[in-house]
Amino acid sequence: MAELSDTITFLGTAGARFVVARQFLASGGAWLNLGNTQILFDPGPGSLVQAARRKLDPTKLDAIILSHRHLDHSGDINIMIEAMTDGGTKKRGMVFAPADALDQDPVILSYLRSYPQSIEVLTEGSSYTINDVAFKTPIRHKHPVETYGFIFRTPRHAFSWITDTRYFEDLASHYEGDLLIINVVRLNPGAPIDHLALPEARNIIEELRPRIAILTHFGMTMWRAKPWELAEKLTEETGIRVIAARDGMKFDLAQLER
């Protein structure tokens, strides 16, 4: 029997409306293949197309997780629910989303809600399971809509994903694990938007000191500044390996053990 592995495939690295609208970078979210469990994370516009390009089969998904309702994260959630359930012909899979993605002005359409086996509402400080994968939403983020970051645990690895948020003092203290993924939209702080900037990401990395940190979800200022060069500089300055995700990148968490 083949040894189980944990991988993350980035179906897109675009963040913020201008990069997404122009598709300078793809915006499909991420596909988490954690042992025998497959999870789609934040299926933004183009997620279905990007999955098909990578030969990833939505009918094999066990769950879809939505961090928040903004379109760059949720644009393809309905078609991916349909795909996961084979057009609604098979009642399968789970969907996890904040309450405001389901309530007034929902991004998950009502007619699809009977297709998955269950829809779970994310709340602050709660824990969830999908097969042998556990995850929790440690704190609500500072963002215009209800938004959560995540700590994932498999039988082999633990990793955190800090999604969209304004920086706040104890943000890093709520996360843990050998791998840290951070949505870094802005190159410099100070813009009147609730997103992390590169210096703030550096502070988080230095406080948590994971084995590896991955930057993703780039806005225009980050994209123009060549995030792969910024990641190299952060590696030199912090002594922690920092990677800039790229569209289609497949990261094997076995790298954490080297």
Protein backbone atom coordinates (compact mmCIF):
# COMPACT_ATOMS: atom_id res chain seq x y z
CA MET A 1 0.00 0.00 0.00
CA ALA A 2 1.37 3.40 -0.99
CA GLU A 3 2.28 5.75 1.83
CA LEU A 4 -0.22 8.57 2.27
CA SER A 5 0.88 12.11 1.49
CA ASP A 6 -0.40 15.64 2.04
CA THR A 7 -0.23 18.11 -0.87
CA ILE A 8 -1.63 21.54 -1.65
CA THR A 9 -2.17 22.61 -5.27
CA PHE A 10 -2.64 26.34 -5.78
CA LEU A 11 -5.35 26.77 -8.41
CA GLY A 12 -4.71 30.51 -8.30
CA THR A 13 -2.69 33.12 -6.46
CA ALA A 14 -4.70 36.25 -7.29
CA GLY A 15 -5.96 38.51 -4.55
CA ALA A 16 -7.95 41.74 -4.70
CA ARG A 17 -10.36 42.79 -7.39
CA PHE A 18 -8.03 44.20 -10.06
CA VAL A 19 -5.73 41.18 -10.35
CA VAL A 20 -8.76 38.88 -10.35
CA ALA A 21 -10.78 40.94 -12.85
CA ARG A 22 -7.88 41.08 -15.30
CA GLN A 23 -6.74 37.53 -14.53
CA PHE A 24 -3.10 38.59 -14.35
CA LEU A 25 -3.04 35.65 -11.95
CA ALA A 26 -5.57 32.83 -11.68
CA SER A 27 -8.13 32.91 -8.87
CA GLY A 28 -9.23 29.30 -8.41
CA GLY A 29 -8.37 28.82 -4.73
CA ALA A 30 -6.51 25.71 -3.60
CA TRP A 31 -6.96 21.94 -3.76
CA LEU A 32 -5.91 20.13 -0.59
CA ASN A 33 -5.16 16.45 -1.08
CA LEU A 34 -4.65 15.29 2.50
CA GLY A 35 -4.14 11.54 2.55
CA ASN A 36 -7.38 10.08 1.24
CA THR A 37 -9.30 13.32 1.78
CA GLN A 38 -9.69 15.95 -0.94
CA ILE A 39 -10.79 19.48 -0.03
CA LEU A 40 -11.37 22.51 -2.23
CA PHE A 41 -10.52 25.77 -0.47
CA ASP A 42 -11.94 29.15 -1.51
CA PRO A 43 -13.07 28.40 -5.09
CA GLY A 44 -12.85 31.83 -6.68
CA PRO A 45 -13.54 32.64 -10.35
CA GLY A 46 -12.08 30.00 -12.65
CA SER A 47 -11.76 27.26 -10.04
CA LEU A 48 -13.52 24.67 -12.21
CA VAL A 49 -11.36 25.48 -15.23
CA GLN A 50 -8.14 25.44 -13.21
CA ALA A 51 -9.06 22.10 -11.62
CA ALA A 52 -9.76 20.60 -15.03
CA ARG A 53 -6.41 21.88 -16.35
CA ARG A 54 -4.66 20.09 -13.46
CA LYS A 55 -6.71 16.90 -14.04
CA LEU A 56 -8.32 17.24 -10.60
CA ASP A 57 -11.74 15.57 -10.46
CA PRO A 58 -14.40 17.51 -8.48
CA THR A 59 -16.49 14.33 -8.09
CA LYS A 60 -13.70 13.05 -5.82
CA LEU A 61 -14.01 16.02 -3.45
CA ASP A 62 -14.94 15.30 0.16
CA ALA A 63 -15.56 18.94 1.05
CA ILE A 64 -15.49 22.58 -0.02
CA ILE A 65 -14.40 25.20 2.51
CA LEU A 66 -15.20 28.88 2.08
CA SER A 67 -13.33 31.36 4.27
CA HIS A 68 -15.67 34.23 3.35
CA ARG A 69 -18.21 35.41 0.82
CA HIS A 70 -16.17 37.86 -1.29
CA LEU A 71 -16.21 36.93 -4.97
CA ASP A 72 -12.47 36.36 -5.34
CA HIS A 73 -12.99 33.47 -2.89
CA SER A 74 -16.51 32.32 -3.73
CA GLY A 75 -17.06 33.02 -7.43
CA ASP A 76 -17.12 29.33 -8.43
CA ILE A 77 -18.56 27.81 -5.27
CA ASN A 78 -21.92 26.98 -6.84
CA ILE A 79 -20.54 25.25 -9.90
CA MET A 80 -18.07 23.36 -7.72
CA ILE A 81 -20.91 22.15 -5.47
CA GLU A 82 -22.69 20.96 -8.60
CA ALA A 83 -19.51 19.29 -9.83
CA MET A 84 -18.79 17.65 -6.47
CA THR A 85 -22.28 16.13 -6.44
CA ASP A 86 -22.19 15.09 -10.11
CA GLY A 87 -24.77 17.70 -11.09
CA GLY A 88 -26.82 17.03 -7.99
CA THR A 89 -27.39 13.37 -8.89
CA LYS A 90 -25.29 12.08 -5.97
CA LYS A 91 -25.77 13.41 -2.46
CA ARG A 92 -22.16 13.65 -1.35
CA GLY A 93 -19.55 15.91 0.16
CA MET A 94 -19.65 18.63 2.80
CA VAL A 95 -19.65 22.42 2.52
CA PHE A 96 -18.30 24.73 5.22
CA ALA A 97 -19.03 28.46 5.11
CA PRO A 98 -19.70 31.46 7.36
CA ALA A 99 -23.32 32.26 8.12
CA ASP A 100 -23.39 35.39 5.94
CA ALA A 101 -22.54 33.29 2.87
CA LEU A 102 -25.87 31.52 3.43
CA ASP A 103 -28.15 34.17 4.88
CA GLN A 104 -29.16 37.54 3.41
CA ASP A 105 -27.76 38.06 -0.12
CA PRO A 106 -26.20 34.56 -0.11
CA VAL A 107 -23.39 33.43 -2.37
CA ILE A 108 -24.43 29.77 -2.06
CA LEU A 109 -27.64 29.37 -4.04
CA SER A 110 -30.65 27.89 -2.30
CA TYR A 111 -31.45 25.28 -4.92
CA LEU A 112 -28.01 23.67 -4.44
CA ARG A 113 -28.18 23.30 -0.69
CA SER A 114 -29.77 19.85 -0.73
CA TYR A 115 -27.02 18.49 -3.02
CA PRO A 116 -24.19 17.98 -0.46
CA GLN A 117 -24.49 15.59 2.47
CA SER A 118 -24.26 18.57 4.81
CA ILE A 119 -23.60 22.30 5.03
CA GLU A 120 -21.78 23.36 8.20
CA VAL A 121 -21.70 26.96 9.43
CA LEU A 122 -18.27 28.21 10.50
CA THR A 123 -18.04 30.00 13.83
CA GLU A 124 -15.21 31.46 15.88
CA GLY A 125 -13.23 28.96 17.94
CA SER A 126 -14.97 25.88 16.54
CA SER A 127 -13.53 22.55 15.35
CA TYR A 128 -14.61 20.37 12.43
CA THR A 129 -13.68 17.02 10.88
CA ILE A 130 -13.61 15.63 7.36
CA ASN A 131 -12.66 11.94 7.49
CA ASP A 132 -9.31 11.87 9.33
CA VAL A 133 -8.63 15.58 8.74
CA ALA A 134 -9.47 18.02 11.52
CA PHE A 135 -9.55 21.79 11.24
CA LYS A 136 -10.50 24.71 13.42
CA THR A 137 -11.35 28.38 12.97
CA PRO A 138 -9.48 29.97 15.87
CA ILE A 139 -10.58 33.58 15.52
CA ARG A 140 -12.79 35.79 13.39
CA HIS A 141 -10.67 38.08 11.22
CA LYS A 142 -10.90 41.83 10.81
CA HIS A 143 -12.55 42.04 7.38
CA PRO A 144 -15.71 43.68 6.01
CA VAL A 145 -17.56 40.34 5.95
CA GLU A 146 -17.46 37.33 8.29
CA THR A 147 -14.07 35.74 7.66
CA TYR A 148 -12.02 32.97 9.24
CA GLY A 149 -8.52 31.56 9.02
CA PHE A 150 -7.79 27.88 9.57
CA ILE A 151 -5.56 25.40 11.35
CA PHE A 152 -5.54 22.00 9.64
CA ARG A 153 -4.34 18.73 11.18
CA THR A 154 -3.81 15.46 9.35
CA PRO A 155 -2.30 12.29 10.87
CA ARG A 156 1.00 13.50 9.37
CA HIS A 157 1.11 17.30 9.49
CA ALA A 158 -0.29 20.50 10.96
CA PHE A 159 -0.51 23.77 9.03
CA SER A 160 -2.24 27.13 9.24
CA TRP A 161 -3.77 29.38 6.59
CA ILE A 162 -4.17 33.05 7.52
CA THR A 163 -6.77 34.36 5.08
CA ASP A 164 -7.86 37.94 4.38
CA THR A 165 -7.71 40.26 7.38
CA ARG A 166 -6.50 43.57 8.68
CA TYR A 167 -3.41 43.12 10.84
CA PHE A 168 -4.07 43.10 14.57
CA GLU A 169 -1.71 42.66 17.48
CA ASP A 170 -2.40 39.08 18.59
CA LEU A 171 -3.21 37.66 15.14
CA ALA A 172 -0.18 35.34 15.00
CA SER A 173 -0.82 33.90 18.45
CA HIS A 174 -3.96 32.14 17.22
CA TYR A 175 -2.11 30.04 14.63
CA GLU A 176 0.36 27.15 14.74
CA GLY A 177 2.00 24.39 12.70
CA ASP A 178 5.13 23.67 10.68
CA LEU A 179 3.66 25.27 7.55
CA LEU A 180 2.13 28.74 7.43
CA ILE A 181 0.25 30.05 4.39
CA ILE A 182 -0.56 33.77 4.38
CA ASN A 183 -2.72 35.85 2.06
CA VAL A 184 -0.56 38.92 1.34
CA VAL A 185 -2.43 41.41 -0.83
CA ARG A 186 -0.43 44.58 -0.27
CA LEU A 187 3.25 45.42 -0.59
CA ASN A 188 3.07 48.25 1.95
CA PRO A 189 0.71 48.84 4.88
CA GLY A 190 -1.49 51.88 5.22
CA ALA A 191 -4.07 51.35 2.48
CA PRO A 192 -7.68 51.75 3.67
CA ILE A 193 -8.47 48.08 3.04
CA ASP A 194 -8.55 45.19 5.47
CA HIS A 195 -5.74 43.11 4.00
CA LEU A 196 -2.28 42.12 5.14
CA ALA A 197 0.83 43.83 3.77
CA LEU A 198 4.27 42.29 3.36
CA PRO A 199 5.88 43.82 6.52
CA GLU A 200 2.95 42.51 8.54
CA ALA A 201 3.36 39.06 7.03
CA ARG A 202 7.03 39.21 8.00
CA ASN A 203 6.06 40.01 11.61
CA ILE A 204 3.73 37.00 11.68
CA ILE A 205 6.39 34.69 10.21
CA GLU A 206 9.00 35.84 12.70
CA GLU A 207 6.60 35.39 15.62
CA LEU A 208 5.38 31.92 14.62
CA ARG A 209 8.66 30.69 13.09
CA PRO A 210 7.21 27.84 11.01
CA ARG A 211 9.52 25.53 9.09
CA ILE A 212 8.18 26.95 5.83
CA ALA A 213 5.95 29.94 5.01
CA ILE A 214 4.08 30.36 1.72
CA LEU A 215 2.86 33.76 0.50
CA THR A 216 -0.16 33.88 -1.81
CA HIS A 217 -3.26 35.92 -2.80
CA PHE A 218 -1.33 38.80 -4.33
CA GLY A 219 -2.73 42.20 -5.18
CA MET A 220 -1.29 44.52 -7.83
CA THR A 221 1.45 46.04 -5.67
CA MET A 222 2.72 42.59 -4.65
CA TRP A 223 2.49 41.22 -8.18
CA ARG A 224 4.41 44.16 -9.66
CA ALA A 225 7.11 43.79 -6.98
CA LYS A 226 7.84 40.17 -8.09
CA PRO A 227 6.75 38.11 -5.08
CA TRP A 228 9.33 35.37 -5.74
CA GLU A 229 12.09 37.95 -5.19
CA LEU A 230 10.36 39.26 -2.07
CA ALA A 231 10.15 35.70 -0.72
CA GLU A 232 13.88 35.17 -1.30
CA LYS A 233 14.64 38.35 0.62
CA LEU A 234 12.40 37.30 3.50
CA THR A 235 14.18 33.95 3.63
CA GLU A 236 17.53 35.71 3.96
CA GLU A 237 16.24 38.16 6.59
CA THR A 238 14.29 35.74 8.79
CA GLY A 239 16.22 32.49 8.39
CA ILE A 240 12.91 30.78 7.60
CA ARG A 241 12.24 29.34 4.17
CA VAL A 242 9.64 31.58 2.50
CA ILE A 243 8.06 30.64 -0.82
CA ALA A 244 5.90 32.74 -3.12
CA ALA A 245 3.12 30.51 -4.45
CA ARG A 246 2.56 30.47 -8.18
CA ASP A 247 -0.45 29.37 -10.21
CA GLY A 248 -0.50 25.58 -10.43
CA MET A 249 2.20 25.05 -7.81
CA LYS A 250 1.90 21.73 -5.99
CA PHE A 251 3.45 21.78 -2.53
CA ASP A 252 4.17 18.45 -0.83
CA LEU A 253 4.11 18.78 2.95
CA ALA A 254 6.80 16.08 3.11
CA GLN A 255 9.18 19.01 2.52
CA LEU A 256 8.53 19.97 6.15
CA GLU A 257 10.34 16.83 7.30
CA ARG A 258 13.60 17.56 5.48
